[in-house]
Every structure is written in structure tokens, then in C-alpha cells.
Amino acid sequence: MTDARDRLIVALDVETVDAARALVSTLGDVVSFYKIGLELAYGGGLALARELKDQGKRVFIDLKLHDIGATVERATRQIARTGMDFLTVHAYPQTMAAARAGAGDLKLLAVTVMTSYDDADLREAGYACSVAELVARRAGQAKAAGIDGLILSPLELPTIRPIVGPGMLLVTPGVRPAGADAGDQKRIMTPAQAIAATANHIVVGRPITRAAAPRAAAEAIVAEIAGV
């Protein structure tokens, strides 16, 4: 069960640090790993990240960096100095190379294609390829750049694991317990399906954070992971 807890990352997608602290307190020792994204980062979440580290939690900073190389390198170095566990960057070759130069021991996760996108969304954005094709291309580029892991939907796991090998971390949002509302996610699996498909970690937000009983919801997902 300890390993199962480590594989669940709870997204603290809430408006305030106080709300995030309350949720962490409610979840207690059921959850050992948290994600702080843009919403909370801009509301004091980076200071909260340090509090969570002091409590023995693991922390994933989800900023999806993408800028000119010098800026990405310096920003990555700043996050690395805080002792966080994971940081996301977009999976563009120049961005990944710059982040790698600034990361030190910080583990980098490259975002392939957002799980709220499908093939039609890519066409609208000007891409002349499918989601599967773009994820595979970016996975190969991330491996070549020495990136530690990928953010991808669970649907791409069976195709991407053979490309990157067993050593690369595959972290999947777009995970919903059976019967849960998919929300804005378009490429989803259940927790058990994602783990069985070789995800190292699953990221779950609303099915826990907006549940009537968040701790029970997290316990159910941990139990589902442990059962795989």
C-alpha cells in the first residue's frame, strides 16, 4: 500500500493556500505526493510547496515552462534550488534542452499533448498529424534530450513505453475512477487501467478534491492501484 500511495499524485487545483492546507490535512497519510499547478502557484502555492516538503511529502510543480532557452534554463534552476521533486516543461526540443541544462537533480517531465485535446483540436491548432503521432514524436525527442519522464494520456501508454523504455517515468493525468465525470478530459482511463498500462504515477484532481468525502475517495483509488 505504501508503494500504491506513492504512485498517486493529488492535484491541488484549488483557489487558495488555506483550501489546499485543509485538503492536505483531510487526506492525511493516505496521500504522499501532491501537484501544484498554475492556479495555486499564482496564489501562494510555491511557499506551500516548501511546507509540504517539510512535512515529508513529495511535490510536483506543474508550470509547463515554455519560453526562449535562456529563460527556461534560469527558471528551471530556480525551481531546482527549492528541492522539489518534479517540474513540467513543454516537449519542444529547445525547451527541453534548456530545462535539462538548469535542472540539476530535479526530475523533468515533458508535456506531450494535453489530455483535453483530441485529433480535431490539433487540426484546429495547425498540426498535420494525429495525437498519437505527435505524442510518439515528442517522446522520442524527450528521450534524446535526457528528460526524466513524460506527461501523456493513459491511452498512449502502450505505444510510448516501448519507445522510451522502462527507465523513463510516464505520468498520466486524464485518470477517472469508473463512473466519474470526465469533465474536460478527452483521453481517459481508470486508475487500474492506467497502472496496468505501465504508468508510473497517475494524477487525480477533481474526483478527490471535489468529492463529498475526499479521504475516502483517495483511499479507494490507492486500493485500486494496489490491486493491480
Protein backbone atom coordinates (compact mmCIF):
# COMPACT_ATOMS: atom_id res chain seq x y z
CA MET A 1 0.00 0.00 0.00
CA THR A 2 2.92 2.35 0.61
CA ASP A 3 4.01 1.94 -3.00
CA ALA A 4 0.43 2.49 -4.16
CA ARG A 5 0.26 5.75 -2.20
CA ASP A 6 3.49 6.92 -3.82
CA ARG A 7 2.02 6.33 -7.27
CA LEU A 8 -1.00 8.58 -6.70
CA ILE A 9 -0.37 12.31 -7.20
CA VAL A 10 -3.23 14.53 -6.00
CA ALA A 11 -3.63 17.77 -7.92
CA LEU A 12 -4.20 20.66 -5.53
CA ASP A 13 -6.34 22.54 -8.04
CA VAL A 14 -7.93 24.87 -5.51
CA GLU A 15 -8.06 28.65 -5.29
CA THR A 16 -6.25 29.36 -2.03
CA VAL A 17 -3.41 28.09 0.09
CA ASP A 18 -5.80 27.76 3.04
CA ALA A 19 -8.06 25.49 0.99
CA ALA A 20 -5.06 23.43 -0.06
CA ARG A 21 -3.81 23.10 3.54
CA ALA A 22 -7.26 21.97 4.65
CA LEU A 23 -7.38 19.35 1.92
CA VAL A 24 -3.88 18.06 2.76
CA SER A 25 -4.93 17.80 6.41
CA THR A 26 -8.08 15.88 5.46
CA LEU A 27 -6.16 13.44 3.25
CA GLY A 28 -3.52 12.84 5.92
CA ASP A 29 -1.22 9.89 5.39
CA VAL A 30 -3.36 8.45 2.59
CA VAL A 31 -1.58 10.77 0.13
CA SER A 32 2.18 11.30 -0.04
CA PHE A 33 2.53 13.19 -3.34
CA TYR A 34 0.93 16.47 -4.43
CA LYS A 35 0.84 18.55 -7.61
CA ILE A 36 0.79 22.34 -7.52
CA GLY A 37 -0.32 23.84 -10.83
CA LEU A 38 -0.74 27.32 -12.24
CA GLU A 39 -3.85 28.31 -10.29
CA LEU A 40 -2.39 27.63 -6.87
CA ALA A 41 1.17 28.63 -7.82
CA TYR A 42 -0.08 32.14 -8.56
CA GLY A 43 -1.92 32.21 -5.21
CA GLY A 44 0.99 31.42 -2.91
CA GLY A 45 1.40 27.77 -3.81
CA LEU A 46 5.18 27.82 -4.16
CA ALA A 47 5.53 28.71 -0.49
CA LEU A 48 3.06 25.93 0.31
CA ALA A 49 5.23 23.55 -1.70
CA ARG A 50 8.07 24.16 0.74
CA GLU A 51 5.72 23.47 3.67
CA LEU A 52 4.71 20.17 2.10
CA LYS A 53 8.36 19.18 1.63
CA ASP A 54 9.00 19.98 5.30
CA GLN A 55 6.14 17.57 6.13
CA GLY A 56 7.84 14.78 4.21
CA LYS A 57 5.58 14.98 1.17
CA ARG A 58 6.74 14.79 -2.43
CA VAL A 59 5.85 17.77 -4.62
CA PHE A 60 5.30 18.14 -8.35
CA ILE A 61 5.45 21.71 -9.68
CA ASP A 62 3.30 21.83 -12.81
CA LEU A 63 4.23 25.07 -14.58
CA LYS A 64 4.61 23.70 -18.13
CA LEU A 65 7.51 26.02 -18.90
CA HIS A 66 7.94 27.14 -22.50
CA ASP A 67 9.93 30.24 -23.46
CA ILE A 68 13.24 31.17 -25.01
CA GLY A 69 16.02 28.84 -23.92
CA ALA A 70 17.83 31.21 -21.56
CA THR A 71 14.62 31.99 -19.66
CA VAL A 72 13.64 28.33 -19.35
CA GLU A 73 17.10 27.37 -18.11
CA ARG A 74 17.12 30.07 -15.43
CA ALA A 75 13.54 29.38 -14.33
CA THR A 76 14.27 25.66 -14.06
CA ARG A 77 17.36 26.36 -11.99
CA GLN A 78 15.28 28.48 -9.59
CA ILE A 79 12.79 25.62 -9.07
CA ALA A 80 15.63 23.12 -8.68
CA ARG A 81 17.05 25.17 -5.80
CA THR A 82 13.82 24.66 -3.83
CA GLY A 83 14.28 20.89 -3.65
CA MET A 84 11.04 19.98 -5.43
CA ASP A 85 10.62 16.54 -6.99
CA PHE A 86 9.08 17.07 -10.46
CA LEU A 87 8.76 20.05 -12.83
CA THR A 88 6.90 20.13 -16.14
CA VAL A 89 8.08 21.75 -19.36
CA HIS A 90 6.54 21.57 -22.81
CA ALA A 91 8.08 18.91 -25.02
CA TYR A 92 9.68 21.18 -27.60
CA PRO A 93 13.33 20.26 -28.27
CA GLN A 94 14.82 23.68 -27.47
CA THR A 95 12.71 24.00 -24.32
CA MET A 96 13.69 20.55 -23.09
CA ALA A 97 17.38 21.12 -23.75
CA ALA A 98 17.31 24.41 -21.86
CA ALA A 99 15.46 22.90 -18.90
CA ARG A 100 17.89 19.99 -18.78
CA ALA A 101 20.76 22.47 -18.52
CA GLY A 102 19.21 24.09 -15.46
CA ALA A 103 17.65 21.10 -13.71
CA GLY A 104 20.46 19.52 -11.71
CA ASP A 105 18.83 16.71 -9.70
CA LEU A 106 15.30 17.99 -10.33
CA LYS A 107 13.29 15.49 -12.40
CA LEU A 108 11.83 16.96 -15.57
CA LEU A 109 8.57 15.82 -17.11
CA ALA A 110 7.86 16.86 -20.69
CA VAL A 111 4.23 17.55 -21.59
CA THR A 112 3.44 15.81 -24.88
CA VAL A 113 -0.18 16.63 -25.79
CA MET A 114 -2.67 17.92 -23.24
CA THR A 115 -5.26 15.33 -22.23
CA SER A 116 -8.05 17.81 -23.01
CA TYR A 117 -7.03 17.72 -26.72
CA ASP A 118 -8.04 15.27 -29.42
CA ASP A 119 -7.19 14.98 -33.12
CA ALA A 120 -9.72 17.67 -34.05
CA ASP A 121 -8.14 20.10 -31.58
CA LEU A 122 -4.70 19.50 -33.10
CA ARG A 123 -6.04 20.17 -36.61
CA GLU A 124 -7.61 23.41 -35.37
CA ALA A 125 -4.23 24.41 -33.93
CA GLY A 126 -2.50 23.78 -37.25
CA TYR A 127 -0.91 20.36 -36.67
CA ALA A 128 -0.98 17.97 -39.64
CA CYS A 129 -0.80 14.81 -37.52
CA SER A 130 -2.81 12.83 -35.01
CA VAL A 131 -2.44 12.94 -31.25
CA ALA A 132 -0.79 9.51 -31.30
CA GLU A 133 1.75 10.60 -33.91
CA LEU A 134 2.64 13.82 -32.10
CA VAL A 135 3.00 12.12 -28.72
CA ALA A 136 5.31 9.49 -30.24
CA ARG A 137 7.46 12.14 -31.90
CA ARG A 138 7.77 14.17 -28.72
CA ALA A 139 8.51 11.06 -26.68
CA GLY A 140 11.47 10.27 -28.90
CA GLN A 141 12.72 13.83 -28.69
CA ALA A 142 12.38 13.84 -24.89
CA LYS A 143 14.38 10.64 -24.61
CA ALA A 144 17.10 12.10 -26.83
CA ALA A 145 17.19 15.24 -24.66
CA GLY A 146 17.73 13.25 -21.46
CA ILE A 147 14.36 14.16 -19.97
CA ASP A 148 13.30 12.07 -16.96
CA GLY A 149 9.68 11.50 -17.88
CA LEU A 150 6.62 12.37 -19.91
CA ILE A 151 3.15 13.70 -19.27
CA LEU A 152 0.75 11.88 -21.58
CA SER A 153 -2.70 10.42 -21.56
CA PRO A 154 -3.08 6.82 -20.42
CA LEU A 155 -4.31 5.89 -23.90
CA GLU A 156 -0.82 6.42 -25.32
CA LEU A 157 0.98 4.32 -22.70
CA PRO A 158 1.07 1.02 -24.65
CA THR A 159 2.62 2.74 -27.67
CA ILE A 160 5.05 5.02 -25.85
CA ARG A 161 6.53 2.62 -23.28
CA PRO A 162 8.36 0.59 -26.00
CA ILE A 163 9.73 3.84 -27.48
CA VAL A 164 11.18 5.23 -24.23
CA GLY A 165 11.99 2.01 -22.39
CA PRO A 166 11.43 1.03 -18.76
CA GLY A 167 13.59 3.76 -17.23
CA MET A 168 11.52 6.79 -18.22
CA LEU A 169 8.76 8.00 -15.91
CA LEU A 170 5.32 8.04 -17.52
CA VAL A 171 2.90 10.25 -15.59
CA THR A 172 -0.72 10.34 -16.63
CA PRO A 173 -3.46 12.85 -15.95
CA GLY A 174 -6.78 12.07 -17.61
CA VAL A 175 -7.46 9.39 -14.96
CA ARG A 176 -11.02 8.98 -13.73
CA PRO A 177 -12.49 6.30 -11.46
CA ALA A 178 -15.23 4.22 -13.09
CA GLY A 179 -18.43 6.25 -13.27
CA ALA A 180 -16.76 9.61 -12.57
CA ASP A 181 -17.47 12.67 -14.70
CA ALA A 182 -14.79 13.06 -17.39
CA GLY A 183 -15.07 16.87 -17.21
CA ASP A 184 -12.80 18.49 -19.80
CA GLN A 185 -10.68 15.36 -20.25
CA LYS A 186 -10.97 13.59 -23.61
CA ARG A 187 -8.41 10.76 -23.39
CA ILE A 188 -9.02 8.90 -20.14
CA MET A 189 -8.70 5.57 -18.30
CA THR A 190 -9.49 4.35 -14.80
CA PRO A 191 -6.67 4.24 -12.20
CA ALA A 192 -6.32 0.46 -12.51
CA GLN A 193 -6.22 0.61 -16.31
CA ALA A 194 -3.53 3.31 -16.30
CA ILE A 195 -1.31 1.46 -13.83
CA ALA A 196 -1.75 -1.80 -15.74
CA ALA A 197 -0.71 0.06 -18.91
CA THR A 198 2.66 0.90 -17.20
CA ALA A 199 2.01 4.39 -15.78
CA ASN A 200 4.50 5.15 -13.00
CA HIS A 201 2.22 7.77 -11.47
CA ILE A 202 -1.36 8.89 -12.02
CA VAL A 203 -2.53 12.45 -11.39
CA VAL A 204 -6.02 12.83 -9.96
CA GLY A 205 -7.68 16.13 -9.10
CA ARG A 206 -11.42 16.70 -9.08
CA PRO A 207 -12.51 13.11 -8.32
CA ILE A 208 -10.72 13.59 -4.99
CA THR A 209 -10.64 17.33 -4.34
CA ARG A 210 -14.33 17.85 -5.12
CA ALA A 211 -15.59 14.59 -3.65
CA ALA A 212 -18.05 14.66 -0.77
CA ALA A 213 -15.50 12.61 1.20
CA PRO A 214 -12.03 13.34 -0.24
CA ARG A 215 -10.14 10.96 2.06
CA ALA A 216 -12.43 8.05 1.21
CA ALA A 217 -12.12 8.86 -2.50
CA ALA A 218 -8.31 8.85 -2.24
CA GLU A 219 -8.33 5.62 -0.24
CA ALA A 220 -10.46 3.94 -2.92
CA ILE A 221 -8.01 4.97 -5.66
CA VAL A 222 -4.99 3.81 -3.64
CA ALA A 223 -6.71 0.48 -3.07
CA GLU A 224 -7.44 0.20 -6.80
CA ILE A 225 -3.77 0.86 -7.61
CA ALA A 226 -2.66 -1.70 -5.02
CA GLY A 227 -4.94 -4.28 -6.58
CA VAL A 228 -3.27 -4.15 -9.99
